[in-house]
PDB file of all heavy atoms in Angstrom:
ATOM      1  N   THR A   1     -23.932  24.777 -10.156  1.00  0.00           N
ATOM      2  CA  THR A   1     -23.180  24.485  -8.933  1.00  0.00           C
ATOM      3  C   THR A   1     -22.905  22.989  -8.799  1.00  0.00           C
ATOM      4  O   THR A   1     -21.979  22.591  -8.093  1.00  0.00           O
ATOM      5  CB  THR A   1     -23.949  24.973  -7.693  1.00  0.00           C
ATOM      6  OG1 THR A   1     -25.266  24.396  -7.687  1.00  0.00           O
ATOM      7  CG2 THR A   1     -24.063  26.496  -7.684  1.00  0.00           C
ATOM      8  N   LEU A   2     -23.689  22.169  -9.488  1.00  0.00           N
ATOM      9  CA  LEU A   2     -23.460  20.720  -9.461  1.00  0.00           C
ATOM     10  C   LEU A   2     -22.107  20.349 -10.061  1.00  0.00           C
ATOM     11  O   LEU A   2     -21.565  19.286  -9.777  1.00  0.00           O
ATOM     12  CB  LEU A   2     -24.565  19.994 -10.252  1.00  0.00           C
ATOM     13  CG  LEU A   2     -25.827  19.565  -9.511  1.00  0.00           C
ATOM     14  CD1 LEU A   2     -26.781  18.901 -10.479  1.00  0.00           C
ATOM     15  CD2 LEU A   2     -25.505  18.652  -8.342  1.00  0.00           C
ATOM     16  N   ALA A   3     -21.560  21.224 -10.915  1.00  0.00           N
ATOM     17  CA  ALA A   3     -20.297  20.925 -11.588  1.00  0.00           C
ATOM     18  C   ALA A   3     -19.093  21.114 -10.687  1.00  0.00           C
ATOM     19  O   ALA A   3     -17.969  20.782 -11.072  1.00  0.00           O
ATOM     20  CB  ALA A   3     -20.147  21.801 -12.834  1.00  0.00           C
ATOM     21  N   VAL A   4     -19.294  21.642  -9.484  1.00  0.00           N
ATOM     22  CA  VAL A   4     -18.193  21.878  -8.549  1.00  0.00           C
ATOM     23  C   VAL A   4     -18.149  20.747  -7.539  1.00  0.00           C
ATOM     24  O   VAL A   4     -19.141  20.469  -6.857  1.00  0.00           O
ATOM     25  CB  VAL A   4     -18.356  23.230  -7.825  1.00  0.00           C
ATOM     26  CG1 VAL A   4     -17.267  23.412  -6.777  1.00  0.00           C
ATOM     27  CG2 VAL A   4     -18.323  24.375  -8.832  1.00  0.00           C
ATOM     28  N   ASP A   5     -17.008  20.087  -7.442  1.00  0.00           N
ATOM     29  CA  ASP A   5     -16.820  18.983  -6.510  1.00  0.00           C
ATOM     30  C   ASP A   5     -15.807  19.398  -5.443  1.00  0.00           C
ATOM     31  O   ASP A   5     -14.640  19.633  -5.754  1.00  0.00           O
ATOM     32  CB  ASP A   5     -16.312  17.740  -7.257  1.00  0.00           C
ATOM     33  CG  ASP A   5     -16.101  16.555  -6.332  1.00  0.00           C
ATOM     34  OD1 ASP A   5     -16.460  16.640  -5.143  1.00  0.00           O
ATOM     35  OD2 ASP A   5     -15.552  15.535  -6.807  1.00  0.00           O
ATOM     36  N   PRO A   6     -16.214  19.492  -4.167  1.00  0.00           N
ATOM     37  CA  PRO A   6     -15.277  19.888  -3.117  1.00  0.00           C
ATOM     38  C   PRO A   6     -14.133  18.905  -2.925  1.00  0.00           C
ATOM     39  O   PRO A   6     -13.130  19.231  -2.283  1.00  0.00           O
ATOM     40  CB  PRO A   6     -16.159  19.960  -1.861  1.00  0.00           C
ATOM     41  CG  PRO A   6     -17.354  19.118  -2.176  1.00  0.00           C
ATOM     42  CD  PRO A   6     -17.571  19.252  -3.650  1.00  0.00           C
ATOM     43  N   ARG A   7     -14.253  17.704  -3.502  1.00  0.00           N
ATOM     44  CA  ARG A   7     -13.200  16.699  -3.383  1.00  0.00           C
ATOM     45  C   ARG A   7     -12.380  16.539  -4.668  1.00  0.00           C
ATOM     46  O   ARG A   7     -11.670  15.552  -4.832  1.00  0.00           O
ATOM     47  CB  ARG A   7     -13.811  15.345  -3.012  1.00  0.00           C
ATOM     48  CG  ARG A   7     -14.499  15.327  -1.657  1.00  0.00           C
ATOM     49  CD  ARG A   7     -15.206  14.003  -1.420  1.00  0.00           C
ATOM     50  NE  ARG A   7     -15.884  13.961  -0.151  1.00  0.00           N
ATOM     51  CZ  ARG A   7     -15.357  13.519   0.982  1.00  0.00           C
ATOM     52  NH1 ARG A   7     -14.123  13.062   0.992  1.00  0.00           N
ATOM     53  NH2 ARG A   7     -16.052  13.528   2.097  1.00  0.00           N
ATOM     54  N   SER A   8     -12.490  17.498  -5.580  1.00  0.00           N
ATOM     55  CA  SER A   8     -11.750  17.406  -6.842  1.00  0.00           C
ATOM     56  C   SER A   8     -10.250  17.444  -6.590  1.00  0.00           C
ATOM     57  O   SER A   8      -9.703  18.470  -6.162  1.00  0.00           O
ATOM     58  CB  SER A   8     -12.143  18.555  -7.772  1.00  0.00           C
ATOM     59  OG  SER A   8     -11.332  18.572  -8.930  1.00  0.00           O
ATOM     60  N   ALA A   9      -9.565  16.339  -6.855  1.00  0.00           N
ATOM     61  CA  ALA A   9      -8.142  16.239  -6.545  1.00  0.00           C
ATOM     62  C   ALA A   9      -7.309  17.212  -7.368  1.00  0.00           C
ATOM     63  O   ALA A   9      -6.385  17.849  -6.852  1.00  0.00           O
ATOM     64  CB  ALA A   9      -7.653  14.802  -6.784  1.00  0.00           C
ATOM     65  N   ALA A  10      -7.621  17.357  -8.653  1.00  0.00           N
ATOM     66  CA  ALA A  10      -6.833  18.229  -9.523  1.00  0.00           C
ATOM     67  C   ALA A  10      -6.904  19.676  -9.059  1.00  0.00           C
ATOM     68  O   ALA A  10      -5.882  20.374  -8.966  1.00  0.00           O
ATOM     69  CB  ALA A  10      -7.311  18.108 -10.968  1.00  0.00           C
ATOM     70  N   ALA A  11      -8.115  20.161  -8.750  1.00  0.00           N
ATOM     71  CA  ALA A  11      -8.277  21.551  -8.323  1.00  0.00           C
ATOM     72  C   ALA A  11      -7.667  21.784  -6.947  1.00  0.00           C
ATOM     73  O   ALA A  11      -7.012  22.802  -6.708  1.00  0.00           O
ATOM     74  CB  ALA A  11      -9.756  21.923  -8.318  1.00  0.00           C
ATOM     75  N   LEU A  12      -7.876  20.848  -6.019  1.00  0.00           N
ATOM     76  CA  LEU A  12      -7.324  21.002  -4.678  1.00  0.00           C
ATOM     77  C   LEU A  12      -5.799  20.996  -4.700  1.00  0.00           C
ATOM     78  O   LEU A  12      -5.156  21.801  -4.023  1.00  0.00           O
ATOM     79  CB  LEU A  12      -7.843  19.886  -3.772  1.00  0.00           C
ATOM     80  CG  LEU A  12      -9.280  20.029  -3.280  1.00  0.00           C
ATOM     81  CD1 LEU A  12      -9.768  18.723  -2.684  1.00  0.00           C
ATOM     82  CD2 LEU A  12      -9.388  21.147  -2.252  1.00  0.00           C
ATOM     83  N   LEU A  13      -5.226  20.097  -5.485  1.00  0.00           N
ATOM     84  CA  LEU A  13      -3.774  20.024  -5.562  1.00  0.00           C
ATOM     85  C   LEU A  13      -3.200  21.305  -6.147  1.00  0.00           C
ATOM     86  O   LEU A  13      -2.218  21.856  -5.642  1.00  0.00           O
ATOM     87  CB  LEU A  13      -3.354  18.819  -6.414  1.00  0.00           C
ATOM     88  CG  LEU A  13      -1.863  18.498  -6.430  1.00  0.00           C
ATOM     89  CD1 LEU A  13      -1.394  18.054  -5.054  1.00  0.00           C
ATOM     90  CD2 LEU A  13      -1.552  17.407  -7.452  1.00  0.00           C
ATOM     91  N   ALA A  14      -3.819  21.811  -7.208  1.00  0.00           N
ATOM     92  CA  ALA A  14      -3.322  23.033  -7.843  1.00  0.00           C
ATOM     93  C   ALA A  14      -3.405  24.229  -6.903  1.00  0.00           C
ATOM     94  O   ALA A  14      -2.452  25.015  -6.789  1.00  0.00           O
ATOM     95  CB  ALA A  14      -4.122  23.315  -9.123  1.00  0.00           C
ATOM     96  N   THR A  15      -4.531  24.379  -6.202  1.00  0.00           N
ATOM     97  CA  THR A  15      -4.681  25.533  -5.324  1.00  0.00           C
ATOM     98  C   THR A  15      -3.779  25.441  -4.095  1.00  0.00           C
ATOM     99  O   THR A  15      -3.133  26.425  -3.721  1.00  0.00           O
ATOM    100  CB  THR A  15      -6.145  25.686  -4.869  1.00  0.00           C
ATOM    101  OG1 THR A  15      -6.613  24.446  -4.321  1.00  0.00           O
ATOM    102  CG2 THR A  15      -7.036  26.064  -6.027  1.00  0.00           C
ATOM    103  N   ASP A  16      -3.722  24.272  -3.469  1.00  0.00           N
ATOM    104  CA  ASP A  16      -2.912  24.153  -2.256  1.00  0.00           C
ATOM    105  C   ASP A  16      -1.425  24.290  -2.555  1.00  0.00           C
ATOM    106  O   ASP A  16      -0.690  24.949  -1.809  1.00  0.00           O
ATOM    107  CB  ASP A  16      -3.190  22.808  -1.568  1.00  0.00           C
ATOM    108  CG  ASP A  16      -4.490  22.835  -0.770  1.00  0.00           C
ATOM    109  OD1 ASP A  16      -5.213  23.843  -0.874  1.00  0.00           O
ATOM    110  OD2 ASP A  16      -4.777  21.874  -0.046  1.00  0.00           O
ATOM    111  N   MET A  17      -0.970  23.673  -3.629  1.00  0.00           N
ATOM    112  CA  MET A  17       0.440  23.803  -3.995  1.00  0.00           C
ATOM    113  C   MET A  17       0.761  25.243  -4.399  1.00  0.00           C
ATOM    114  O   MET A  17       1.822  25.779  -4.072  1.00  0.00           O
ATOM    115  CB  MET A  17       0.782  22.840  -5.130  1.00  0.00           C
ATOM    116  CG  MET A  17       0.778  21.382  -4.736  1.00  0.00           C
ATOM    117  SD  MET A  17       1.980  21.012  -3.428  1.00  0.00           S
ATOM    118  CE  MET A  17       1.755  19.238  -3.259  1.00  0.00           C
ATOM    119  N   GLY A  18      -0.164  25.884  -5.106  1.00  0.00           N
ATOM    120  CA  GLY A  18       0.039  27.274  -5.486  1.00  0.00           C
ATOM    121  C   GLY A  18       0.113  28.185  -4.277  1.00  0.00           C
ATOM    122  O   GLY A  18       0.961  29.086  -4.207  1.00  0.00           O
ATOM    123  N   LEU A  19      -0.769  27.960  -3.299  1.00  0.00           N
ATOM    124  CA  LEU A  19      -0.742  28.762  -2.083  1.00  0.00           C
ATOM    125  C   LEU A  19       0.553  28.548  -1.302  1.00  0.00           C
ATOM    126  O   LEU A  19       1.151  29.497  -0.785  1.00  0.00           O
ATOM    127  CB  LEU A  19      -1.940  28.416  -1.203  1.00  0.00           C
ATOM    128  CG  LEU A  19      -3.283  29.024  -1.604  1.00  0.00           C
ATOM    129  CD1 LEU A  19      -4.409  28.415  -0.779  1.00  0.00           C
ATOM    130  CD2 LEU A  19      -3.255  30.536  -1.418  1.00  0.00           C
ATOM    131  N   ALA A  20       0.971  27.282  -1.205  1.00  0.00           N
ATOM    132  CA  ALA A  20       2.212  26.989  -0.482  1.00  0.00           C
ATOM    133  C   ALA A  20       3.397  27.682  -1.141  1.00  0.00           C
ATOM    134  O   ALA A  20       4.257  28.266  -0.462  1.00  0.00           O
ATOM    135  CB  ALA A  20       2.441  25.480  -0.425  1.00  0.00           C
ATOM    136  N   ALA A  21       3.462  27.639  -2.471  1.00  0.00           N
ATOM    137  CA  ALA A  21       4.551  28.311  -3.193  1.00  0.00           C
ATOM    138  C   ALA A  21       4.491  29.826  -2.986  1.00  0.00           C
ATOM    139  O   ALA A  21       5.518  30.487  -2.845  1.00  0.00           O
ATOM    140  CB  ALA A  21       4.471  27.974  -4.675  1.00  0.00           C
ATOM    141  N   ALA A  22       3.262  30.395  -2.960  1.00  0.00           N
ATOM    142  CA  ALA A  22       3.115  31.836  -2.754  1.00  0.00           C
ATOM    143  C   ALA A  22       3.588  32.240  -1.363  1.00  0.00           C
ATOM    144  O   ALA A  22       4.254  33.281  -1.201  1.00  0.00           O
ATOM    145  CB  ALA A  22       1.652  32.238  -2.952  1.00  0.00           C
ATOM    146  N   VAL A  23       3.263  31.434  -0.364  1.00  0.00           N
ATOM    147  CA  VAL A  23       3.699  31.731   1.003  1.00  0.00           C
ATOM    148  C   VAL A  23       5.224  31.713   1.089  1.00  0.00           C
ATOM    149  O   VAL A  23       5.848  32.604   1.687  1.00  0.00           O
ATOM    150  CB  VAL A  23       3.096  30.727   2.000  1.00  0.00           C
ATOM    151  CG1 VAL A  23       3.751  30.858   3.370  1.00  0.00           C
ATOM    152  CG2 VAL A  23       1.599  30.938   2.118  1.00  0.00           C
ATOM    153  N   VAL A  24       5.836  30.703   0.480  1.00  0.00           N
ATOM    154  CA  VAL A  24       7.300  30.616   0.499  1.00  0.00           C
ATOM    155  C   VAL A  24       7.918  31.807  -0.231  1.00  0.00           C
ATOM    156  O   VAL A  24       8.922  32.371   0.207  1.00  0.00           O
ATOM    157  CB  VAL A  24       7.757  29.284  -0.130  1.00  0.00           C
ATOM    158  CG1 VAL A  24       9.268  29.268  -0.310  1.00  0.00           C
ATOM    159  CG2 VAL A  24       7.323  28.121   0.753  1.00  0.00           C
ATOM    160  N   ALA A  25       7.301  32.226  -1.340  1.00  0.00           N
ATOM    161  CA  ALA A  25       7.812  33.384  -2.080  1.00  0.00           C
ATOM    162  C   ALA A  25       7.773  34.642  -1.218  1.00  0.00           C
ATOM    163  O   ALA A  25       8.712  35.452  -1.215  1.00  0.00           O
ATOM    164  CB  ALA A  25       7.002  33.586  -3.356  1.00  0.00           C
TER     165      ALA A  25
END
C-alpha cells in the first residue's frame, strides 16, 4: 500500500480526464 500515492499527478490526471470524457460520451 506504500506504493500508492493519493497525490500522484499522472494517475489523477488519467482518471479524471477519462471520467470527464466518459461523462461527455
